[in-house]
Amino acid sequence: MRSRTDGMWWGTTIEAPDPSSLARFYAELLDWHIGHEEPGTAIVAASPQGPFFVFQQAEGYRAPVWPPVDGGQRPMMHFDFQVGDLDSAVAEAVALGATVAEFQPQESVRVLFDPAGHPFCLCRDGDQ
């Protein structure tokens, strides 16, 4: 893209049944802050310059199914977060409202679901 500039990526938008609640979950999980909230939208920021996660209200939201199954809502994307201590990071995420997926494909990675059912991975530092 010829019009691209350095730092072009601004953020990622995630559909949610309750954007404010999901924003609070990720703000706590990542130690980021809520940068903006209005009805139907909440933004979590790493810093005032970003990057940003934008959570938007989704009517008729269906949580993705992990692992994918025919006929189920497929995960279209997921986050990978690198952590130093996998067991502690999983415990912290669960305390914030995440759940651990039954199916775990790798020893050094844990698949969890956020409160809206989006899968995300905690990856032991250096093992991605």
N, C-alpha and C. Protein backbone atom coordinates (compact mmCIF):
# COMPACT_ATOMS: atom_id res chain seq x y z
N MET A 1 0.86 -1.17 0.00
CA MET A 1 0.00 0.00 0.00
C MET A 1 0.90 1.23 0.00
N ARG A 2 0.83 2.04 -1.02
CA ARG A 2 1.71 3.20 -1.17
C ARG A 2 1.44 4.31 -0.15
N SER A 3 0.24 4.39 0.35
CA SER A 3 -0.08 5.47 1.30
C SER A 3 0.28 5.10 2.73
N ARG A 4 0.86 3.94 2.93
CA ARG A 4 1.19 3.47 4.28
C ARG A 4 2.25 4.35 4.92
N THR A 5 2.10 4.57 6.23
CA THR A 5 3.09 5.34 7.00
C THR A 5 3.58 4.47 8.15
N ASP A 6 4.70 4.84 8.74
CA ASP A 6 5.18 4.13 9.93
C ASP A 6 4.11 4.21 11.00
N GLY A 7 3.92 3.14 11.69
CA GLY A 7 2.93 3.12 12.77
C GLY A 7 1.50 3.13 12.27
N MET A 8 1.26 2.65 11.07
CA MET A 8 -0.07 2.71 10.48
C MET A 8 -1.09 1.89 11.27
N TRP A 9 -0.68 0.73 11.82
CA TRP A 9 -1.65 -0.09 12.55
C TRP A 9 -2.10 0.65 13.79
N TRP A 10 -3.40 0.81 13.92
CA TRP A 10 -3.97 1.56 15.03
C TRP A 10 -4.50 0.62 16.10
N GLY A 11 -5.20 -0.42 15.66
CA GLY A 11 -5.78 -1.33 16.63
C GLY A 11 -6.60 -2.41 15.97
N THR A 12 -7.26 -3.19 16.80
CA THR A 12 -8.07 -4.32 16.37
C THR A 12 -9.45 -4.19 16.99
N THR A 13 -10.48 -4.44 16.19
CA THR A 13 -11.85 -4.36 16.67
C THR A 13 -12.39 -5.76 16.91
N ILE A 14 -13.01 -5.96 18.05
CA ILE A 14 -13.53 -7.26 18.47
C ILE A 14 -15.01 -7.11 18.79
N GLU A 15 -15.83 -7.99 18.22
CA GLU A 15 -17.26 -7.96 18.53
C GLU A 15 -17.50 -8.59 19.89
N ALA A 16 -18.50 -8.07 20.60
CA ALA A 16 -18.78 -8.57 21.94
C ALA A 16 -20.24 -8.33 22.30
N PRO A 17 -20.80 -9.19 23.14
CA PRO A 17 -22.17 -8.94 23.60
C PRO A 17 -22.22 -7.81 24.64
N ASP A 18 -21.12 -7.58 25.36
CA ASP A 18 -21.03 -6.53 26.38
C ASP A 18 -19.65 -5.89 26.27
N PRO A 19 -19.50 -4.88 25.39
CA PRO A 19 -18.19 -4.29 25.14
C PRO A 19 -17.49 -3.75 26.38
N SER A 20 -18.20 -3.08 27.25
CA SER A 20 -17.57 -2.49 28.44
C SER A 20 -17.01 -3.57 29.37
N SER A 21 -17.76 -4.64 29.57
CA SER A 21 -17.29 -5.72 30.43
C SER A 21 -16.06 -6.39 29.84
N LEU A 22 -16.07 -6.64 28.53
CA LEU A 22 -14.92 -7.29 27.90
C LEU A 22 -13.71 -6.37 27.90
N ALA A 23 -13.93 -5.07 27.74
CA ALA A 23 -12.83 -4.11 27.81
C ALA A 23 -12.19 -4.13 29.19
N ARG A 24 -13.00 -4.19 30.24
CA ARG A 24 -12.45 -4.26 31.60
C ARG A 24 -11.62 -5.53 31.79
N PHE A 25 -12.10 -6.66 31.25
CA PHE A 25 -11.35 -7.91 31.36
C PHE A 25 -9.97 -7.76 30.74
N TYR A 26 -9.89 -7.27 29.49
CA TYR A 26 -8.59 -7.15 28.83
C TYR A 26 -7.72 -6.05 29.45
N ALA A 27 -8.32 -4.99 29.94
CA ALA A 27 -7.54 -3.95 30.61
C ALA A 27 -6.84 -4.54 31.84
N GLU A 28 -7.55 -5.34 32.61
CA GLU A 28 -6.96 -5.98 33.79
C GLU A 28 -5.94 -7.04 33.38
N LEU A 29 -6.27 -7.86 32.39
CA LEU A 29 -5.39 -8.94 31.96
C LEU A 29 -4.04 -8.40 31.48
N LEU A 30 -4.08 -7.31 30.72
CA LEU A 30 -2.87 -6.78 30.08
C LEU A 30 -2.24 -5.62 30.84
N ASP A 31 -2.88 -5.16 31.90
CA ASP A 31 -2.45 -3.98 32.65
C ASP A 31 -2.43 -2.75 31.72
N TRP A 32 -3.45 -2.67 30.86
CA TRP A 32 -3.66 -1.51 30.00
C TRP A 32 -4.75 -0.66 30.64
N HIS A 33 -5.20 0.37 29.98
CA HIS A 33 -6.26 1.20 30.55
C HIS A 33 -7.40 1.36 29.54
N ILE A 34 -8.56 1.68 30.08
CA ILE A 34 -9.71 1.97 29.21
C ILE A 34 -9.57 3.41 28.76
N GLY A 35 -9.42 3.58 27.45
CA GLY A 35 -9.18 4.90 26.90
C GLY A 35 -10.43 5.65 26.51
N HIS A 36 -11.51 4.92 26.25
CA HIS A 36 -12.75 5.56 25.81
C HIS A 36 -13.89 4.57 25.98
N GLU A 37 -15.03 5.08 26.40
CA GLU A 37 -16.23 4.26 26.51
C GLU A 37 -17.43 5.08 26.12
N GLU A 38 -18.32 4.47 25.37
CA GLU A 38 -19.62 5.06 25.04
C GLU A 38 -20.56 3.89 24.81
N PRO A 39 -21.86 4.12 24.74
CA PRO A 39 -22.77 2.99 24.54
C PRO A 39 -22.39 2.20 23.28
N GLY A 40 -22.17 0.90 23.47
CA GLY A 40 -21.87 0.02 22.35
C GLY A 40 -20.41 -0.07 21.96
N THR A 41 -19.53 0.72 22.60
CA THR A 41 -18.11 0.70 22.24
C THR A 41 -17.26 0.99 23.46
N ALA A 42 -16.16 0.25 23.59
CA ALA A 42 -15.17 0.52 24.63
C ALA A 42 -13.80 0.25 24.03
N ILE A 43 -12.84 1.11 24.37
CA ILE A 43 -11.50 1.01 23.80
C ILE A 43 -10.49 0.82 24.93
N VAL A 44 -9.63 -0.18 24.78
CA VAL A 44 -8.55 -0.45 25.71
C VAL A 44 -7.25 -0.08 25.02
N ALA A 45 -6.37 0.62 25.74
CA ALA A 45 -5.14 1.12 25.13
C ALA A 45 -3.92 0.72 25.94
N ALA A 46 -2.85 0.37 25.20
CA ALA A 46 -1.56 0.11 25.85
C ALA A 46 -0.93 1.42 26.31
N SER A 47 -1.13 2.47 25.52
CA SER A 47 -0.63 3.81 25.83
C SER A 47 -1.54 4.79 25.10
N PRO A 48 -1.39 6.09 25.33
CA PRO A 48 -2.22 7.05 24.58
C PRO A 48 -2.03 6.95 23.07
N GLN A 49 -0.90 6.42 22.61
CA GLN A 49 -0.65 6.27 21.18
C GLN A 49 -1.05 4.90 20.66
N GLY A 50 -1.51 4.01 21.52
CA GLY A 50 -1.91 2.67 21.11
C GLY A 50 -0.82 1.67 21.36
N PRO A 51 -1.00 0.46 20.93
CA PRO A 51 -2.12 -0.02 20.13
C PRO A 51 -3.40 -0.10 20.97
N PHE A 52 -4.49 -0.28 20.26
CA PHE A 52 -5.82 -0.26 20.87
C PHE A 52 -6.58 -1.54 20.55
N PHE A 53 -7.39 -1.99 21.49
CA PHE A 53 -8.41 -2.99 21.25
C PHE A 53 -9.74 -2.24 21.35
N VAL A 54 -10.54 -2.34 20.31
CA VAL A 54 -11.85 -1.70 20.29
C VAL A 54 -12.90 -2.80 20.41
N PHE A 55 -13.73 -2.72 21.41
CA PHE A 55 -14.80 -3.70 21.61
C PHE A 55 -16.10 -3.05 21.19
N GLN A 56 -16.79 -3.69 20.23
CA GLN A 56 -18.04 -3.14 19.70
C GLN A 56 -19.20 -4.08 19.96
N GLN A 57 -20.34 -3.49 20.25
CA GLN A 57 -21.57 -4.24 20.48
C GLN A 57 -21.92 -5.05 19.24
N ALA A 58 -22.24 -6.31 19.43
CA ALA A 58 -22.64 -7.18 18.33
C ALA A 58 -23.99 -7.80 18.67
N GLU A 59 -25.00 -7.41 17.94
CA GLU A 59 -26.32 -8.02 18.12
C GLU A 59 -26.27 -9.44 17.57
N GLY A 60 -26.87 -10.37 18.27
CA GLY A 60 -26.88 -11.75 17.82
C GLY A 60 -25.52 -12.42 17.91
N TYR A 61 -24.66 -11.92 18.77
CA TYR A 61 -23.30 -12.46 18.93
C TYR A 61 -23.34 -13.95 19.24
N ARG A 62 -22.49 -14.71 18.54
CA ARG A 62 -22.30 -16.14 18.81
C ARG A 62 -20.83 -16.35 19.12
N ALA A 63 -20.55 -16.91 20.27
CA ALA A 63 -19.16 -17.16 20.66
C ALA A 63 -18.54 -18.21 19.73
N PRO A 64 -17.26 -18.05 19.39
CA PRO A 64 -16.59 -19.06 18.57
C PRO A 64 -16.48 -20.39 19.31
N VAL A 65 -16.35 -21.45 18.55
CA VAL A 65 -16.21 -22.79 19.11
C VAL A 65 -14.76 -23.23 18.94
N TRP A 66 -14.15 -23.69 20.03
CA TRP A 66 -12.77 -24.20 19.99
C TRP A 66 -12.73 -25.56 20.65
N PRO A 67 -12.13 -26.56 20.00
CA PRO A 67 -11.62 -26.49 18.64
C PRO A 67 -12.77 -26.38 17.65
N PRO A 68 -12.49 -25.86 16.45
CA PRO A 68 -13.56 -25.67 15.46
C PRO A 68 -14.30 -26.97 15.14
N VAL A 69 -15.61 -26.85 14.94
CA VAL A 69 -16.44 -27.98 14.54
C VAL A 69 -17.33 -27.54 13.39
N ASP A 70 -17.65 -28.48 12.52
CA ASP A 70 -18.54 -28.16 11.40
C ASP A 70 -19.86 -27.60 11.92
N GLY A 71 -20.30 -26.51 11.33
CA GLY A 71 -21.55 -25.89 11.71
C GLY A 71 -21.44 -24.92 12.87
N GLY A 72 -20.33 -24.92 13.57
CA GLY A 72 -20.14 -24.00 14.70
C GLY A 72 -19.50 -22.71 14.25
N GLN A 73 -19.63 -21.67 15.04
CA GLN A 73 -18.98 -20.39 14.74
C GLN A 73 -17.48 -20.57 14.87
N ARG A 74 -16.77 -20.45 13.77
CA ARG A 74 -15.31 -20.63 13.79
C ARG A 74 -14.63 -19.40 14.40
N PRO A 75 -13.54 -19.62 15.14
CA PRO A 75 -12.74 -18.47 15.58
C PRO A 75 -12.10 -17.84 14.34
N MET A 76 -12.32 -16.58 14.11
CA MET A 76 -11.77 -15.91 12.94
C MET A 76 -10.35 -15.41 13.22
N MET A 77 -10.04 -15.20 14.48
CA MET A 77 -8.72 -14.76 14.91
C MET A 77 -8.63 -15.00 16.41
N HIS A 78 -7.42 -14.92 16.93
CA HIS A 78 -7.27 -14.97 18.38
C HIS A 78 -5.99 -14.24 18.76
N PHE A 79 -5.88 -13.87 20.02
CA PHE A 79 -4.70 -13.20 20.52
C PHE A 79 -3.74 -14.22 21.12
N ASP A 80 -2.45 -13.99 20.94
CA ASP A 80 -1.39 -14.73 21.62
C ASP A 80 -0.66 -13.76 22.52
N PHE A 81 -0.58 -14.08 23.81
CA PHE A 81 0.13 -13.24 24.77
C PHE A 81 1.28 -14.04 25.35
N GLN A 82 2.47 -13.48 25.30
CA GLN A 82 3.65 -14.15 25.82
C GLN A 82 3.77 -13.87 27.32
N VAL A 83 4.01 -14.93 28.10
CA VAL A 83 4.09 -14.80 29.56
C VAL A 83 5.34 -15.51 30.07
N GLY A 84 5.83 -15.08 31.21
CA GLY A 84 7.01 -15.70 31.79
C GLY A 84 6.69 -16.98 32.55
N ASP A 85 5.59 -16.99 33.29
CA ASP A 85 5.19 -18.14 34.10
C ASP A 85 3.78 -18.54 33.66
N LEU A 86 3.69 -19.61 32.91
CA LEU A 86 2.43 -20.03 32.30
C LEU A 86 1.37 -20.35 33.35
N ASP A 87 1.71 -21.10 34.37
CA ASP A 87 0.72 -21.48 35.38
C ASP A 87 0.17 -20.26 36.11
N SER A 88 1.04 -19.33 36.49
CA SER A 88 0.59 -18.11 37.18
C SER A 88 -0.28 -17.25 36.27
N ALA A 89 0.11 -17.13 35.00
CA ALA A 89 -0.66 -16.32 34.06
C ALA A 89 -2.05 -16.91 33.84
N VAL A 90 -2.13 -18.23 33.76
CA VAL A 90 -3.44 -18.89 33.61
C VAL A 90 -4.29 -18.62 34.84
N ALA A 91 -3.71 -18.76 36.02
CA ALA A 91 -4.45 -18.52 37.26
C ALA A 91 -4.96 -17.08 37.33
N GLU A 92 -4.13 -16.12 36.94
CA GLU A 92 -4.55 -14.71 36.94
C GLU A 92 -5.69 -14.49 35.96
N ALA A 93 -5.59 -15.05 34.75
CA ALA A 93 -6.64 -14.88 33.74
C ALA A 93 -7.96 -15.49 34.22
N VAL A 94 -7.89 -16.66 34.84
CA VAL A 94 -9.09 -17.32 35.35
C VAL A 94 -9.72 -16.48 36.47
N ALA A 95 -8.89 -15.89 37.33
CA ALA A 95 -9.41 -15.04 38.41
C ALA A 95 -10.13 -13.82 37.85
N LEU A 96 -9.74 -13.38 36.65
CA LEU A 96 -10.39 -12.23 36.02
C LEU A 96 -11.65 -12.61 35.25
N GLY A 97 -11.91 -13.91 35.07
CA GLY A 97 -13.12 -14.34 34.39
C GLY A 97 -12.90 -15.21 33.16
N ALA A 98 -11.66 -15.53 32.83
CA ALA A 98 -11.39 -16.43 31.70
C ALA A 98 -11.67 -17.86 32.12
N THR A 99 -11.88 -18.72 31.13
CA THR A 99 -12.00 -20.15 31.39
C THR A 99 -10.97 -20.88 30.52
N VAL A 100 -10.48 -21.98 31.03
CA VAL A 100 -9.49 -22.78 30.32
C VAL A 100 -10.20 -23.73 29.38
N ALA A 101 -9.75 -23.76 28.13
CA ALA A 101 -10.34 -24.67 27.14
C ALA A 101 -10.00 -26.10 27.50
N GLU A 102 -10.91 -27.00 27.22
CA GLU A 102 -10.67 -28.41 27.48
C GLU A 102 -9.56 -28.94 26.58
N PHE A 103 -9.59 -28.57 25.30
CA PHE A 103 -8.60 -29.04 24.35
C PHE A 103 -7.38 -28.12 24.38
N GLN A 104 -6.21 -28.69 24.67
CA GLN A 104 -4.95 -27.96 24.72
C GLN A 104 -3.98 -28.60 23.74
N PRO A 105 -3.68 -27.93 22.63
CA PRO A 105 -2.87 -28.56 21.57
C PRO A 105 -1.37 -28.58 21.81
N GLN A 106 -0.86 -27.78 22.76
CA GLN A 106 0.58 -27.70 22.96
C GLN A 106 0.91 -27.62 24.44
N GLU A 107 2.07 -28.16 24.81
CA GLU A 107 2.53 -28.16 26.19
C GLU A 107 2.84 -26.75 26.70
N SER A 108 3.41 -25.90 25.85
CA SER A 108 3.89 -24.59 26.27
C SER A 108 2.88 -23.46 26.02
N VAL A 109 1.67 -23.82 25.63
CA VAL A 109 0.62 -22.84 25.33
C VAL A 109 -0.66 -23.27 26.03
N ARG A 110 -1.39 -22.31 26.56
CA ARG A 110 -2.70 -22.59 27.13
C ARG A 110 -3.74 -21.79 26.36
N VAL A 111 -4.76 -22.49 25.88
CA VAL A 111 -5.89 -21.84 25.22
C VAL A 111 -6.93 -21.56 26.30
N LEU A 112 -7.38 -20.31 26.34
CA LEU A 112 -8.42 -19.89 27.27
C LEU A 112 -9.51 -19.18 26.49
N PHE A 113 -10.63 -18.95 27.14
CA PHE A 113 -11.72 -18.17 26.57
C PHE A 113 -11.92 -16.93 27.43
N ASP A 114 -12.07 -15.78 26.79
CA ASP A 114 -12.40 -14.57 27.54
C ASP A 114 -13.87 -14.66 27.95
N PRO A 115 -14.38 -13.71 28.74
CA PRO A 115 -15.77 -13.80 29.21
C PRO A 115 -16.81 -13.83 28.09
N ALA A 116 -16.47 -13.36 26.88
CA ALA A 116 -17.41 -13.42 25.76
C ALA A 116 -17.24 -14.68 24.93
N GLY A 117 -16.27 -15.52 25.30
CA GLY A 117 -16.07 -16.77 24.59
C GLY A 117 -15.02 -16.75 23.49
N HIS A 118 -14.34 -15.61 23.29
CA HIS A 118 -13.27 -15.56 22.30
C HIS A 118 -12.07 -16.36 22.83
N PRO A 119 -11.49 -17.24 22.02
CA PRO A 119 -10.29 -17.92 22.46
C PRO A 119 -9.08 -16.98 22.43
N PHE A 120 -8.18 -17.17 23.36
CA PHE A 120 -6.88 -16.49 23.33
C PHE A 120 -5.85 -17.43 23.92
N CYS A 121 -4.59 -17.21 23.59
CA CYS A 121 -3.53 -18.11 24.04
C CYS A 121 -2.55 -17.38 24.94
N LEU A 122 -2.14 -18.06 25.99
CA LEU A 122 -1.02 -17.63 26.81
C LEU A 122 0.13 -18.55 26.43
N CYS A 123 1.23 -17.97 26.00
CA CYS A 123 2.37 -18.72 25.49
C CYS A 123 3.57 -18.48 26.38
N ARG A 124 4.17 -19.57 26.83
CA ARG A 124 5.35 -19.44 27.68
C ARG A 124 6.43 -18.70 26.90
N ASP A 125 7.06 -17.73 27.54
CA ASP A 125 8.10 -16.90 26.95
C ASP A 125 9.15 -17.78 26.27
N GLY A 126 9.40 -17.51 24.98
CA GLY A 126 10.42 -18.22 24.22
C GLY A 126 9.95 -19.51 23.57
N ASP A 127 8.68 -19.90 23.79
CA ASP A 127 8.18 -21.17 23.26
C ASP A 127 7.15 -21.02 22.15
N GLN A 128 6.94 -19.83 21.62
CA GLN A 128 5.91 -19.67 20.59
C GLN A 128 6.28 -20.34 19.31
